């Protein structure tokens, strides 16, 4: 699954358009490499997002098979480090 789609599917970022903009602006990293919107994520990848007031780190636990997941199931797909 593409990084921009994954970020919105697992409710890390609310909208996919915002996820695409963040990836294009160079604030999303996969395994410490700057991500492009078409970059695929795999289980075990470490994702870093640089915000204005700090950074957040995530680990990919699973890839969702649907467009969105319920917010109650977020911990099955992503772990905040």
PDB file of N, CA and C in Angstrom:
ATOM      1  N   UNK A   1       0.843  -1.173   0.000  1.00  0.00           N
ATOM      2  CA  UNK A   1       0.000   0.000   0.000  1.00  0.00           C
ATOM      3  C   UNK A   1       0.891   1.240   0.000  1.00  0.00           C
ATOM      4  N   UNK A   2       0.476   2.244  -0.744  1.00  0.00           N
ATOM      5  CA  UNK A   2       1.227   3.502  -0.818  1.00  0.00           C
ATOM      6  C   UNK A   2       1.235   4.209   0.537  1.00  0.00           C
ATOM      7  N   UNK A   3       2.313   4.930   0.827  1.00  0.00           N
ATOM      8  CA  UNK A   3       2.462   5.609   2.109  1.00  0.00           C
ATOM      9  C   UNK A   3       1.347   6.619   2.344  1.00  0.00           C
ATOM     10  N   UNK A   4       0.974   7.392   1.325  1.00  0.00           N
ATOM     11  CA  UNK A   4      -0.070   8.390   1.527  1.00  0.00           C
ATOM     12  C   UNK A   4      -1.418   7.727   1.836  1.00  0.00           C
ATOM     13  N   UNK A   5      -1.703   6.640   1.176  1.00  0.00           N
ATOM     14  CA  UNK A   5      -2.949   5.914   1.418  1.00  0.00           C
ATOM     15  C   UNK A   5      -2.923   5.249   2.793  1.00  0.00           C
ATOM     16  N   UNK A   6      -1.780   4.688   3.183  1.00  0.00           N
ATOM     17  CA  UNK A   6      -1.665   4.038   4.479  1.00  0.00           C
ATOM     18  C   UNK A   6      -1.865   5.030   5.614  1.00  0.00           C
ATOM     19  N   UNK A   7      -1.249   6.213   5.508  1.00  0.00           N
ATOM     20  CA  UNK A   7      -1.378   7.219   6.562  1.00  0.00           C
ATOM     21  C   UNK A   7      -2.825   7.615   6.806  1.00  0.00           C
ATOM     22  N   UNK A   8      -3.601   7.739   5.740  1.00  0.00           N
ATOM     23  CA  UNK A   8      -5.008   8.106   5.911  1.00  0.00           C
ATOM     24  C   UNK A   8      -5.857   6.905   6.301  1.00  0.00           C
ATOM     25  N   UNK A   9      -5.541   5.723   5.821  1.00  0.00           N
ATOM     26  CA  UNK A   9      -6.335   4.526   6.129  1.00  0.00           C
ATOM     27  C   UNK A   9      -6.275   4.154   7.603  1.00  0.00           C
ATOM     28  N   UNK A  10      -5.121   4.298   8.218  1.00  0.00           N
ATOM     29  CA  UNK A  10      -4.968   3.907   9.624  1.00  0.00           C
ATOM     30  C   UNK A  10      -5.167   5.083  10.580  1.00  0.00           C
ATOM     31  N   UNK A  11      -5.693   6.173  10.075  1.00  0.00           N
ATOM     32  CA  UNK A  11      -6.072   7.340  10.872  1.00  0.00           C
ATOM     33  C   UNK A  11      -4.896   8.049  11.540  1.00  0.00           C
ATOM     34  N   UNK A  12      -3.716   8.003  10.923  1.00  0.00           N
ATOM     35  CA  UNK A  12      -2.593   8.804  11.413  1.00  0.00           C
ATOM     36  C   UNK A  12      -2.793  10.245  10.955  1.00  0.00           C
ATOM     37  N   UNK A  13      -3.227  10.405   9.705  1.00  0.00           N
ATOM     38  CA  UNK A  13      -3.556  11.710   9.141  1.00  0.00           C
ATOM     39  C   UNK A  13      -5.003  11.637   8.655  1.00  0.00           C
ATOM     40  N   UNK A  14      -5.775  12.695   8.904  1.00  0.00           N
ATOM     41  CA  UNK A  14      -7.212  12.625   8.671  1.00  0.00           C
ATOM     42  C   UNK A  14      -7.617  12.465   7.208  1.00  0.00           C
ATOM     43  N   UNK A  15      -6.954  13.167   6.302  1.00  0.00           N
ATOM     44  CA  UNK A  15      -7.349  13.104   4.886  1.00  0.00           C
ATOM     45  C   UNK A  15      -6.169  12.723   4.015  1.00  0.00           C
ATOM     46  N   UNK A  16      -6.470  12.009   2.951  1.00  0.00           N
ATOM     47  CA  UNK A  16      -5.402  11.553   2.054  1.00  0.00           C
ATOM     48  C   UNK A  16      -4.741  12.738   1.348  1.00  0.00           C
ATOM     49  N   UNK A  17      -5.496  13.766   1.015  1.00  0.00           N
ATOM     50  CA  UNK A  17      -4.893  14.925   0.342  1.00  0.00           C
ATOM     51  C   UNK A  17      -3.848  15.587   1.240  1.00  0.00           C
ATOM     52  N   UNK A  18      -4.128  15.631   2.532  1.00  0.00           N
ATOM     53  CA  UNK A  18      -3.151  16.192   3.465  1.00  0.00           C
ATOM     54  C   UNK A  18      -1.926  15.280   3.539  1.00  0.00           C
ATOM     55  N   UNK A  19      -2.159  13.964   3.533  1.00  0.00           N
ATOM     56  CA  UNK A  19      -1.047  13.015   3.555  1.00  0.00           C
ATOM     57  C   UNK A  19      -0.160  13.183   2.321  1.00  0.00           C
ATOM     58  N   UNK A  20      -0.775  13.344   1.152  1.00  0.00           N
ATOM     59  CA  UNK A  20      -0.013  13.550  -0.087  1.00  0.00           C
ATOM     60  C   UNK A  20       0.813  14.827   0.013  1.00  0.00           C
ATOM     61  N   UNK A  21       0.210  15.911   0.504  1.00  0.00           N
ATOM     62  CA  UNK A  21       0.929  17.179   0.644  1.00  0.00           C
ATOM     63  C   UNK A  21       2.112  17.050   1.609  1.00  0.00           C
ATOM     64  N   UNK A  22       1.907  16.327   2.712  1.00  0.00           N
ATOM     65  CA  UNK A  22       2.992  16.156   3.681  1.00  0.00           C
ATOM     66  C   UNK A  22       4.140  15.352   3.081  1.00  0.00           C
ATOM     67  N   UNK A  23       3.811  14.302   2.349  1.00  0.00           N
ATOM     68  CA  UNK A  23       4.859  13.486   1.732  1.00  0.00           C
ATOM     69  C   UNK A  23       5.608  14.293   0.680  1.00  0.00           C
ATOM     70  N   UNK A  24       4.877  15.043  -0.132  1.00  0.00           N
ATOM     71  CA  UNK A  24       5.517  15.855  -1.170  1.00  0.00           C
ATOM     72  C   UNK A  24       6.398  16.954  -0.592  1.00  0.00           C
ATOM     73  N   UNK A  25       6.022  17.476   0.581  1.00  0.00           N
ATOM     74  CA  UNK A  25       6.814  18.549   1.174  1.00  0.00           C
ATOM     75  C   UNK A  25       8.034  18.021   1.932  1.00  0.00           C
ATOM     76  N   UNK A  26       8.183  16.703   2.012  1.00  0.00           N
ATOM     77  CA  UNK A  26       9.402  16.123   2.557  1.00  0.00           C
ATOM     78  C   UNK A  26       9.448  15.987   4.064  1.00  0.00           C
ATOM     79  N   UNK A  27       8.309  15.835   4.721  1.00  0.00           N
ATOM     80  CA  UNK A  27       8.311  15.693   6.176  1.00  0.00           C
ATOM     81  C   UNK A  27       8.010  14.265   6.625  1.00  0.00           C
ATOM     82  N   UNK A  28       7.817  13.349   5.678  1.00  0.00           N
ATOM     83  CA  UNK A  28       7.538  11.946   6.003  1.00  0.00           C
ATOM     84  C   UNK A  28       8.740  11.100   5.574  1.00  0.00           C
ATOM     85  N   UNK A  29       9.210  10.262   6.498  1.00  0.00           N
ATOM     86  CA  UNK A  29      10.364   9.407   6.236  1.00  0.00           C
ATOM     87  C   UNK A  29       9.990   7.957   6.534  1.00  0.00           C
ATOM     88  N   UNK A  30      10.445   7.052   5.677  1.00  0.00           N
ATOM     89  CA  UNK A  30      10.276   5.621   5.901  1.00  0.00           C
ATOM     90  C   UNK A  30      11.666   5.037   6.096  1.00  0.00           C
ATOM     91  N   UNK A  31      11.895   4.449   7.260  1.00  0.00           N
ATOM     92  CA  UNK A  31      13.208   3.887   7.605  1.00  0.00           C
ATOM     93  C   UNK A  31      14.322   4.914   7.386  1.00  0.00           C
ATOM     94  N   UNK A  32      14.088   6.153   7.813  1.00  0.00           N
ATOM     95  CA  UNK A  32      15.034   7.273   7.731  1.00  0.00           C
ATOM     96  C   UNK A  32      15.389   7.695   6.311  1.00  0.00           C
ATOM     97  N   UNK A  33      14.546   7.356   5.345  1.00  0.00           N
ATOM     98  CA  UNK A  33      14.705   7.809   3.961  1.00  0.00           C
ATOM     99  C   UNK A  33      13.465   8.605   3.604  1.00  0.00           C
ATOM    100  N   UNK A  34      13.686   9.799   3.029  1.00  0.00           N
ATOM    101  CA  UNK A  34      12.549  10.644   2.660  1.00  0.00           C
ATOM    102  C   UNK A  34      11.622   9.898   1.700  1.00  0.00           C
ATOM    103  N   UNK A  35      10.341   9.891   2.027  1.00  0.00           N
ATOM    104  CA  UNK A  35       9.363   9.122   1.252  1.00  0.00           C
ATOM    105  C   UNK A  35       8.806   9.937   0.096  1.00  0.00           C
ATOM    106  N   UNK A  36       8.420   9.233  -0.951  1.00  0.00           N
ATOM    107  CA  UNK A  36       7.685   9.812  -2.072  1.00  0.00           C
ATOM    108  C   UNK A  36       6.266   9.259  -1.997  1.00  0.00           C
ATOM    109  N   UNK A  37       5.273   9.972  -2.554  1.00  0.00           N
ATOM    110  CA  UNK A  37       3.881   9.513  -2.428  1.00  0.00           C
ATOM    111  C   UNK A  37       3.642   8.106  -2.956  1.00  0.00           C
ATOM    112  N   UNK A  38       4.415   7.650  -3.906  1.00  0.00           N
ATOM    113  CA  UNK A  38       4.196   6.329  -4.491  1.00  0.00           C
ATOM    114  C   UNK A  38       4.943   5.215  -3.748  1.00  0.00           C
ATOM    115  N   UNK A  39       5.706   5.559  -2.710  1.00  0.00           N
ATOM    116  CA  UNK A  39       6.477   4.560  -1.964  1.00  0.00           C
ATOM    117  C   UNK A  39       5.545   3.623  -1.206  1.00  0.00           C
ATOM    118  N   UNK A  40       5.776   2.326  -1.345  1.00  0.00           N
ATOM    119  CA  UNK A  40       4.961   1.336  -0.648  1.00  0.00           C
ATOM    120  C   UNK A  40       5.514   1.077   0.745  1.00  0.00           C
ATOM    121  N   UNK A  41       4.612   0.841   1.693  1.00  0.00           N
ATOM    122  CA  UNK A  41       5.017   0.472   3.041  1.00  0.00           C
ATOM    123  C   UNK A  41       4.836  -1.028   3.219  1.00  0.00           C
ATOM    124  N   UNK A  42       5.660  -1.600   4.060  1.00  0.00           N
ATOM    125  CA  UNK A  42       5.556  -3.020   4.386  1.00  0.00           C
ATOM    126  C   UNK A  42       5.547  -3.164   5.904  1.00  0.00           C
ATOM    127  N   UNK A  43       5.127  -4.313   6.368  1.00  0.00           N
ATOM    128  CA  UNK A  43       5.072  -4.581   7.797  1.00  0.00           C
ATOM    129  C   UNK A  43       6.488  -4.478   8.364  1.00  0.00           C
ATOM    130  N   UNK A  44       6.617  -3.749   9.473  1.00  0.00           N
ATOM    131  CA  UNK A  44       7.912  -3.572  10.115  1.00  0.00           C
ATOM    132  C   UNK A  44       8.592  -2.258   9.779  1.00  0.00           C
ATOM    133  N   UNK A  45       8.082  -1.514   8.798  1.00  0.00           N
ATOM    134  CA  UNK A  45       8.679  -0.223   8.452  1.00  0.00           C
ATOM    135  C   UNK A  45       8.514   0.757   9.601  1.00  0.00           C
ATOM    136  N   UNK A  46       9.510   1.604   9.778  1.00  0.00           N
ATOM    137  CA  UNK A  46       9.459   2.681  10.770  1.00  0.00           C
ATOM    138  C   UNK A  46       9.187   3.987  10.023  1.00  0.00           C
ATOM    139  N   UNK A  47       8.167   4.708  10.452  1.00  0.00           N
ATOM    140  CA  UNK A  47       7.769   5.951   9.785  1.00  0.00           C
ATOM    141  C   UNK A  47       7.977   7.104  10.754  1.00  0.00           C
ATOM    142  N   UNK A  48       8.598   8.164  10.246  1.00  0.00           N
ATOM    143  CA  UNK A  48       8.827   9.377  11.036  1.00  0.00           C
ATOM    144  C   UNK A  48       8.142  10.524  10.329  1.00  0.00           C
ATOM    145  N   UNK A  49       7.367  11.301  11.084  1.00  0.00           N
ATOM    146  CA  UNK A  49       6.714  12.496  10.541  1.00  0.00           C
ATOM    147  C   UNK A  49       7.229  13.689  11.333  1.00  0.00           C
ATOM    148  N   UNK A  50       7.755  14.674  10.616  1.00  0.00           N
ATOM    149  CA  UNK A  50       8.280  15.876  11.257  1.00  0.00           C
ATOM    150  C   UNK A  50       7.223  16.970  11.215  1.00  0.00           C
ATOM    151  N   UNK A  51       6.727  17.326  12.392  1.00  0.00           N
ATOM    152  CA  UNK A  51       5.790  18.433  12.523  1.00  0.00           C
ATOM    153  C   UNK A  51       6.552  19.681  12.918  1.00  0.00           C
ATOM    154  N   UNK A  52       5.887  20.824  12.931  1.00  0.00           N
ATOM    155  CA  UNK A  52       6.555  22.069  13.315  1.00  0.00           C
ATOM    156  C   UNK A  52       7.026  22.037  14.763  1.00  0.00           C
ATOM    157  N   UNK A  53       6.274  21.360  15.625  1.00  0.00           N
ATOM    158  CA  UNK A  53       6.618  21.361  17.041  1.00  0.00           C
ATOM    159  C   UNK A  53       7.250  20.056  17.509  1.00  0.00           C
ATOM    160  N   UNK A  54       7.707  19.217  16.603  1.00  0.00           N
ATOM    161  CA  UNK A  54       8.365  17.985  17.004  1.00  0.00           C
ATOM    162  C   UNK A  54       8.195  16.876  15.973  1.00  0.00           C
ATOM    163  N   UNK A  55       8.553  15.674  16.380  1.00  0.00           N
ATOM    164  CA  UNK A  55       8.469  14.524  15.488  1.00  0.00           C
ATOM    165  C   UNK A  55       7.614  13.443  16.131  1.00  0.00           C
ATOM    166  N   UNK A  56       7.006  12.618  15.294  1.00  0.00           N
ATOM    167  CA  UNK A  56       6.282  11.442  15.769  1.00  0.00           C
ATOM    168  C   UNK A  56       6.809  10.238  15.010  1.00  0.00           C
ATOM    169  N   UNK A  57       6.910   9.135  15.714  1.00  0.00           N
ATOM    170  CA  UNK A  57       7.436   7.912  15.143  1.00  0.00           C
ATOM    171  C   UNK A  57       6.371   6.828  15.209  1.00  0.00           C
ATOM    172  N   UNK A  58       6.262   6.051  14.135  1.00  0.00           N
ATOM    173  CA  UNK A  58       5.277   4.983  14.048  1.00  0.00           C
ATOM    174  C   UNK A  58       5.938   3.728  13.484  1.00  0.00           C
ATOM    175  N   UNK A  59       5.363   2.582  13.829  1.00  0.00           N
ATOM    176  CA  UNK A  59       5.787   1.322  13.248  1.00  0.00           C
ATOM    177  C   UNK A  59       4.585   0.671  12.582  1.00  0.00           C
ATOM    178  N   UNK A  60       4.789   0.157  11.367  1.00  0.00           N
ATOM    179  CA  UNK A  60       3.724  -0.500  10.616  1.00  0.00           C
ATOM    180  C   UNK A  60       3.570  -1.922  11.153  1.00  0.00           C
ATOM    181  N   UNK A  61       2.393  -2.239  11.699  1.00  0.00           N
ATOM    182  CA  UNK A  61       2.130  -3.574  12.229  1.00  0.00           C
ATOM    183  C   UNK A  61       1.386  -4.449  11.227  1.00  0.00           C
ATOM    184  N   UNK A  62       0.543  -3.824  10.403  1.00  0.00           N
ATOM    185  CA  UNK A  62      -0.236  -4.564   9.403  1.00  0.00           C
ATOM    186  C   UNK A  62      -0.677  -3.598   8.320  1.00  0.00           C
ATOM    187  N   UNK A  63      -1.026  -4.155   7.177  1.00  0.00           N
ATOM    188  CA  UNK A  63      -1.525  -3.363   6.052  1.00  0.00           C
ATOM    189  C   UNK A  63      -3.028  -3.600   5.948  1.00  0.00           C
ATOM    190  N   UNK A  64      -3.837  -2.536   6.043  1.00  0.00           N
ATOM    191  CA  UNK A  64      -5.285  -2.729   5.943  1.00  0.00           C
ATOM    192  C   UNK A  64      -5.712  -3.157   4.539  1.00  0.00           C
ATOM    193  N   UNK A  65      -6.769  -3.931   4.472  1.00  0.00           N
ATOM    194  CA  UNK A  65      -7.284  -4.382   3.179  1.00  0.00           C
ATOM    195  C   UNK A  65      -8.425  -3.511   2.699  1.00  0.00           C
ATOM    196  N   UNK A  66      -8.928  -2.630   3.559  1.00  0.00           N
ATOM    197  CA  UNK A  66     -10.025  -1.743   3.182  1.00  0.00           C
ATOM    198  C   UNK A  66      -9.522  -0.302   3.126  1.00  0.00           C
ATOM    199  N   UNK A  67     -10.364   0.565   2.600  1.00  0.00           N
ATOM    200  CA  UNK A  67      -9.983   1.967   2.431  1.00  0.00           C
ATOM    201  C   UNK A  67      -9.749   2.659   3.772  1.00  0.00           C
ATOM    202  N   UNK A  68     -10.595   2.384   4.743  1.00  0.00           N
ATOM    203  CA  UNK A  68     -10.431   2.945   6.080  1.00  0.00           C
ATOM    204  C   UNK A  68     -10.710   1.858   7.106  1.00  0.00           C
ATOM    205  N   UNK A  69     -10.192   2.069   8.287  1.00  0.00           N
ATOM    206  CA  UNK A  69     -10.444   1.144   9.384  1.00  0.00           C
ATOM    207  C   UNK A  69     -11.126   1.907  10.509  1.00  0.00           C
ATOM    208  N   UNK A  70     -11.862   1.217  11.367  1.00  0.00           N
ATOM    209  CA  UNK A  70     -12.441   1.905  12.535  1.00  0.00           C
ATOM    210  C   UNK A  70     -11.337   2.401  13.462  1.00  0.00           C
ATOM    211  N   UNK A  71     -11.559   3.542  14.087  1.00  0.00           N
ATOM    212  CA  UNK A  71     -10.534   4.113  14.973  1.00  0.00           C
ATOM    213  C   UNK A  71     -10.226   3.197  16.144  1.00  0.00           C
ATOM    214  N   UNK A  72     -11.177   2.344  16.514  1.00  0.00           N
ATOM    215  CA  UNK A  72     -10.939   1.425  17.630  1.00  0.00           C
ATOM    216  C   UNK A  72      -9.945   0.331  17.263  1.00  0.00           C
ATOM    217  N   UNK A  73      -9.719   0.102  15.976  1.00  0.00           N
ATOM    218  CA  UNK A  73      -8.783  -0.938  15.520  1.00  0.00           C
ATOM    219  C   UNK A  73      -7.429  -0.371  15.109  1.00  0.00           C
ATOM    220  N   UNK A  74      -7.192   0.892  15.358  1.00  0.00           N
ATOM    221  CA  UNK A  74      -5.945   1.536  14.927  1.00  0.00           C
ATOM    222  C   UNK A  74      -4.715   0.820  15.485  1.00  0.00           C
ATOM    223  N   UNK A  75      -4.772   0.373  16.736  1.00  0.00           N
ATOM    224  CA  UNK A  75      -3.607  -0.262  17.367  1.00  0.00           C
ATOM    225  C   UNK A  75      -3.235  -1.599  16.749  1.00  0.00           C
ATOM    226  N   UNK A  76      -4.115  -2.165  15.920  1.00  0.00           N
ATOM    227  CA  UNK A  76      -3.788  -3.404  15.217  1.00  0.00           C
ATOM    228  C   UNK A  76      -2.897  -3.151  13.996  1.00  0.00           C
ATOM    229  N   UNK A  77      -2.908  -1.915  13.489  1.00  0.00           N
ATOM    230  CA  UNK A  77      -2.208  -1.579  12.250  1.00  0.00           C
ATOM    231  C   UNK A  77      -0.976  -0.691  12.456  1.00  0.00           C
ATOM    232  N   UNK A  78      -0.978   0.098  13.517  1.00  0.00           N
ATOM    233  CA  UNK A  78       0.126   1.045  13.731  1.00  0.00           C
ATOM    234  C   UNK A  78       0.429   1.136  15.221  1.00  0.00           C
ATOM    235  N   UNK A  79       1.736   1.259  15.526  1.00  0.00           N
ATOM    236  CA  UNK A  79       2.164   1.446  16.905  1.00  0.00           C
ATOM    237  C   UNK A  79       2.959   2.741  16.967  1.00  0.00           C
ATOM    238  N   UNK A  80       2.541   3.633  17.865  1.00  0.00           N
ATOM    239  CA  UNK A  80       3.287   4.884  18.032  1.00  0.00           C
ATOM    240  C   UNK A  80       4.470   4.631  18.953  1.00  0.00           C
ATOM    241  N   UNK A  81       5.644   5.012  18.473  1.00  0.00           N
ATOM    242  CA  UNK A  81       6.874   4.772  19.242  1.00  0.00           C
ATOM    243  C   UNK A  81       7.261   5.986  20.047  1.00  0.00           C
TER     244      UNK A  81
END
